[in-house]
Amino acid sequence: FHEVSVYPKKELPFFILFTAGLCSFTAMLALLTHQFPELMGVFAKAVSIY
């Protein structure tokens, strides 16, 4: 086992977790919008007010 190069070892896991979380959130939002269009429409209107 040898050192390849100096990677940002502490930032990489955070970036992976952030990306995975964002992807999961987007997928969940898409699934909910697909399943409950009326409910998500009301929710979107409520959020767009602020």
Protein backbone atom coordinates (compact mmCIF):
# COMPACT_ATOMS: atom_id res chain seq x y z
CA PHE A 1 0.00 0.00 0.00
CA HIS A 2 1.42 3.37 -1.03
CA GLU A 3 0.48 7.04 -0.90
CA VAL A 4 -0.97 8.07 -4.25
CA SER A 5 -1.56 11.79 -3.82
CA VAL A 6 -2.86 14.32 -1.32
CA TYR A 7 -6.65 14.33 -1.54
CA PRO A 8 -8.91 16.43 0.71
CA LYS A 9 -9.74 13.42 2.88
CA LYS A 10 -11.98 15.32 5.30
CA GLU A 11 -13.97 17.25 2.68
CA LEU A 12 -14.67 14.30 0.37
CA PRO A 13 -17.02 12.31 2.67
CA PHE A 14 -18.99 15.49 3.44
CA PHE A 15 -19.34 16.22 -0.27
CA ILE A 16 -20.51 12.66 -0.95
CA LEU A 17 -23.03 12.83 1.91
CA PHE A 18 -24.26 16.24 0.76
CA THR A 19 -24.69 15.03 -2.82
CA ALA A 20 -26.44 11.82 -1.71
CA GLY A 21 -28.73 13.79 0.60
CA LEU A 22 -29.61 16.29 -2.11
CA CYS A 23 -30.26 13.50 -4.60
CA SER A 24 -32.45 11.61 -2.10
CA PHE A 25 -34.37 14.78 -1.27
CA THR A 26 -34.98 15.50 -4.96
CA ALA A 27 -36.09 11.92 -5.61
CA MET A 28 -38.44 11.99 -2.60
CA LEU A 29 -39.89 15.33 -3.73
CA ALA A 30 -40.43 13.98 -7.25
CA LEU A 31 -42.08 10.83 -5.90
CA LEU A 32 -44.38 12.81 -3.60
CA THR A 33 -45.29 15.19 -6.43
CA HIS A 34 -46.08 12.22 -8.65
CA GLN A 35 -48.20 10.50 -5.97
CA PHE A 36 -49.96 13.57 -4.55
CA PRO A 37 -50.12 16.32 -7.21
CA GLU A 38 -52.90 18.31 -5.51
CA LEU A 39 -51.21 18.27 -2.10
CA MET A 40 -47.84 19.30 -3.55
CA GLY A 41 -49.53 22.05 -5.56
CA VAL A 42 -50.97 23.53 -2.37
CA PHE A 43 -47.60 23.13 -0.64
CA ALA A 44 -45.76 24.82 -3.54
CA LYS A 45 -48.19 27.76 -3.46
CA ALA A 46 -47.70 28.10 0.31
CA VAL A 47 -43.91 28.07 -0.07
CA SER A 48 -43.87 30.51 -3.01
CA ILE A 49 -45.63 33.13 -0.85
CA TYR A 50 -42.58 33.48 1.44
